[in-house]
């Protein structure tokens, strides 16, 4: 299904994934507990955004499928 809104959601998800990889590397390299705490909070925030993104993607996909069924 080629949908501009779904494509945007997929691109956002890819962006979140790349940010998580970078933060994970930084977390491993960090020696400061304050910095580690800050990185973990960022990771949690990104994970929540990813979850919202996935839920929205599922809703939109279901909606688009319903629309296709109705038009047939």
N, C-alpha and C. Protein backbone atom coordinates (compact mmCIF):
# COMPACT_ATOMS: atom_id res chain seq x y z
N UNK A 1 0.85 -1.17 0.00
CA UNK A 1 0.00 0.00 0.00
C UNK A 1 0.90 1.24 0.00
N UNK A 2 0.74 2.06 -1.00
CA UNK A 2 1.54 3.27 -1.12
C UNK A 2 0.70 4.47 -0.69
N UNK A 3 0.91 4.90 0.53
CA UNK A 3 0.15 6.00 1.10
C UNK A 3 1.12 7.02 1.66
N UNK A 4 0.99 8.29 1.29
CA UNK A 4 1.95 9.31 1.76
C UNK A 4 2.04 9.40 3.28
N UNK A 5 0.89 9.32 3.96
CA UNK A 5 0.91 9.44 5.41
C UNK A 5 1.61 8.24 6.04
N UNK A 6 1.34 7.05 5.52
CA UNK A 6 2.02 5.85 6.04
C UNK A 6 3.51 5.91 5.75
N UNK A 7 3.87 6.44 4.60
CA UNK A 7 5.30 6.59 4.28
C UNK A 7 5.98 7.54 5.26
N UNK A 8 5.29 8.61 5.62
CA UNK A 8 5.84 9.54 6.62
C UNK A 8 6.04 8.84 7.96
N UNK A 9 5.06 8.04 8.35
CA UNK A 9 5.18 7.30 9.61
C UNK A 9 6.36 6.33 9.57
N UNK A 10 6.54 5.67 8.44
CA UNK A 10 7.67 4.74 8.30
C UNK A 10 9.00 5.48 8.39
N UNK A 11 9.06 6.64 7.76
CA UNK A 11 10.30 7.43 7.81
C UNK A 11 10.60 7.91 9.23
N UNK A 12 9.55 8.32 9.94
CA UNK A 12 9.74 8.72 11.34
C UNK A 12 10.26 7.55 12.16
N UNK A 13 9.71 6.37 11.93
CA UNK A 13 10.13 5.19 12.68
C UNK A 13 11.60 4.87 12.40
N UNK A 14 12.01 4.99 11.16
CA UNK A 14 13.42 4.77 10.81
C UNK A 14 14.32 5.78 11.52
N UNK A 15 13.86 7.03 11.57
CA UNK A 15 14.62 8.08 12.25
C UNK A 15 14.77 7.76 13.74
N UNK A 16 13.68 7.33 14.36
CA UNK A 16 13.73 6.95 15.77
C UNK A 16 14.71 5.79 15.98
N UNK A 17 14.68 4.83 15.08
CA UNK A 17 15.57 3.67 15.20
C UNK A 17 17.04 4.09 15.13
N UNK A 18 17.35 4.97 14.21
CA UNK A 18 18.74 5.42 14.09
C UNK A 18 19.17 6.22 15.31
N UNK A 19 18.25 7.03 15.86
CA UNK A 19 18.56 7.78 17.08
C UNK A 19 18.83 6.82 18.24
N UNK A 20 18.03 5.76 18.33
CA UNK A 20 18.23 4.78 19.40
C UNK A 20 19.60 4.11 19.30
N UNK A 21 20.02 3.79 18.09
CA UNK A 21 21.33 3.17 17.91
C UNK A 21 22.44 4.09 18.40
N UNK A 22 22.33 5.36 18.06
CA UNK A 22 23.34 6.34 18.47
C UNK A 22 23.35 6.48 19.99
N UNK A 23 22.16 6.60 20.58
CA UNK A 23 22.07 6.74 22.03
C UNK A 23 22.61 5.51 22.75
N UNK A 24 22.34 4.35 22.20
CA UNK A 24 22.84 3.12 22.81
C UNK A 24 24.37 3.10 22.83
N UNK A 25 24.98 3.51 21.72
CA UNK A 25 26.44 3.58 21.67
C UNK A 25 26.97 4.58 22.69
N UNK A 26 26.29 5.72 22.78
CA UNK A 26 26.71 6.74 23.74
C UNK A 26 26.56 6.25 25.18
N UNK A 27 25.52 5.50 25.43
CA UNK A 27 25.28 4.96 26.77
C UNK A 27 26.39 4.01 27.18
N UNK A 28 26.81 3.17 26.25
CA UNK A 28 27.88 2.21 26.54
C UNK A 28 29.21 2.93 26.79
N UNK A 29 29.46 3.99 26.04
CA UNK A 29 30.72 4.72 26.16
C UNK A 29 30.77 5.62 27.40
N UNK A 30 29.61 6.02 27.90
CA UNK A 30 29.54 6.99 28.99
C UNK A 30 30.01 6.39 30.32
N UNK A 31 30.75 7.19 31.07
CA UNK A 31 31.20 6.78 32.40
C UNK A 31 30.43 7.52 33.50
N UNK A 32 29.81 8.60 33.16
CA UNK A 32 29.11 9.44 34.12
C UNK A 32 27.69 8.91 34.36
N UNK A 33 27.32 8.73 35.61
CA UNK A 33 25.99 8.22 35.92
C UNK A 33 24.91 9.25 35.56
N UNK A 34 25.24 10.55 35.67
CA UNK A 34 24.27 11.58 35.29
C UNK A 34 24.00 11.54 33.79
N UNK A 35 25.06 11.40 33.03
CA UNK A 35 24.91 11.33 31.58
C UNK A 35 24.16 10.06 31.19
N UNK A 36 24.45 8.95 31.83
CA UNK A 36 23.74 7.71 31.54
C UNK A 36 22.25 7.86 31.85
N UNK A 37 21.94 8.52 32.95
CA UNK A 37 20.54 8.75 33.32
C UNK A 37 19.83 9.60 32.27
N UNK A 38 20.51 10.63 31.79
CA UNK A 38 19.95 11.51 30.77
C UNK A 38 19.71 10.74 29.47
N UNK A 39 20.65 9.90 29.10
CA UNK A 39 20.52 9.10 27.87
C UNK A 39 19.38 8.11 28.01
N UNK A 40 19.24 7.49 29.17
CA UNK A 40 18.16 6.53 29.38
C UNK A 40 16.80 7.22 29.28
N UNK A 41 16.70 8.44 29.79
CA UNK A 41 15.44 9.18 29.68
C UNK A 41 15.12 9.48 28.22
N UNK A 42 16.14 9.83 27.44
CA UNK A 42 15.93 10.07 26.01
C UNK A 42 15.48 8.80 25.31
N UNK A 43 16.10 7.68 25.66
CA UNK A 43 15.74 6.40 25.07
C UNK A 43 14.28 6.06 25.38
N UNK A 44 13.88 6.28 26.63
CA UNK A 44 12.48 6.03 27.02
C UNK A 44 11.52 6.90 26.22
N UNK A 45 11.88 8.16 26.06
CA UNK A 45 11.04 9.09 25.32
C UNK A 45 10.89 8.65 23.86
N UNK A 46 12.00 8.26 23.25
CA UNK A 46 11.96 7.81 21.86
C UNK A 46 11.15 6.53 21.74
N UNK A 47 11.30 5.63 22.71
CA UNK A 47 10.54 4.37 22.68
C UNK A 47 9.04 4.65 22.75
N UNK A 48 8.64 5.60 23.56
CA UNK A 48 7.22 5.97 23.64
C UNK A 48 6.74 6.55 22.31
N UNK A 49 7.56 7.38 21.70
CA UNK A 49 7.20 7.94 20.40
C UNK A 49 7.08 6.85 19.34
N UNK A 50 7.97 5.89 19.39
CA UNK A 50 7.92 4.78 18.44
C UNK A 50 6.63 3.97 18.63
N UNK A 51 6.26 3.76 19.88
CA UNK A 51 5.04 3.01 20.17
C UNK A 51 3.81 3.76 19.63
N UNK A 52 3.77 5.06 19.85
CA UNK A 52 2.66 5.87 19.32
C UNK A 52 2.63 5.81 17.80
N UNK A 53 3.81 5.88 17.21
CA UNK A 53 3.94 5.82 15.75
C UNK A 53 3.37 4.50 15.23
N UNK A 54 3.74 3.40 15.87
CA UNK A 54 3.27 2.09 15.44
C UNK A 54 1.75 1.97 15.58
N UNK A 55 1.20 2.45 16.69
CA UNK A 55 -0.25 2.40 16.90
C UNK A 55 -0.96 3.21 15.82
N UNK A 56 -0.45 4.39 15.53
CA UNK A 56 -1.05 5.24 14.50
C UNK A 56 -0.97 4.57 13.14
N UNK A 57 0.14 3.94 12.86
CA UNK A 57 0.31 3.25 11.59
C UNK A 57 -0.71 2.12 11.44
N UNK A 58 -0.94 1.37 12.52
CA UNK A 58 -1.92 0.28 12.48
C UNK A 58 -3.32 0.85 12.25
N UNK A 59 -3.66 1.92 12.96
CA UNK A 59 -4.98 2.54 12.79
C UNK A 59 -5.20 3.00 11.35
N UNK A 60 -4.19 3.67 10.81
CA UNK A 60 -4.31 4.20 9.45
C UNK A 60 -4.42 3.05 8.45
N UNK A 61 -3.64 2.01 8.63
CA UNK A 61 -3.69 0.87 7.72
C UNK A 61 -5.06 0.22 7.75
N UNK A 62 -5.61 0.01 8.95
CA UNK A 62 -6.95 -0.58 9.06
C UNK A 62 -7.98 0.32 8.38
N UNK A 63 -7.86 1.61 8.59
CA UNK A 63 -8.78 2.56 7.99
C UNK A 63 -8.71 2.51 6.46
N UNK A 64 -7.50 2.48 5.94
CA UNK A 64 -7.32 2.42 4.48
C UNK A 64 -7.89 1.13 3.91
N UNK A 65 -7.70 0.02 4.62
CA UNK A 65 -8.24 -1.25 4.15
C UNK A 65 -9.76 -1.23 4.14
N UNK A 66 -10.36 -0.63 5.16
CA UNK A 66 -11.83 -0.50 5.19
C UNK A 66 -12.32 0.32 4.01
N UNK A 67 -11.60 1.41 3.73
CA UNK A 67 -11.98 2.26 2.60
C UNK A 67 -11.91 1.49 1.29
N UNK A 68 -10.88 0.67 1.13
CA UNK A 68 -10.75 -0.12 -0.10
C UNK A 68 -11.88 -1.12 -0.23
N UNK A 69 -12.24 -1.76 0.88
CA UNK A 69 -13.33 -2.74 0.85
C UNK A 69 -14.65 -2.08 0.47
N UNK A 70 -14.88 -0.89 0.99
CA UNK A 70 -16.13 -0.18 0.70
C UNK A 70 -16.24 0.22 -0.76
N UNK A 71 -15.11 0.55 -1.36
CA UNK A 71 -15.14 0.99 -2.77
C UNK A 71 -15.29 -0.17 -3.74
N UNK A 72 -15.02 -1.39 -3.29
CA UNK A 72 -15.13 -2.55 -4.20
C UNK A 72 -16.52 -3.03 -4.34
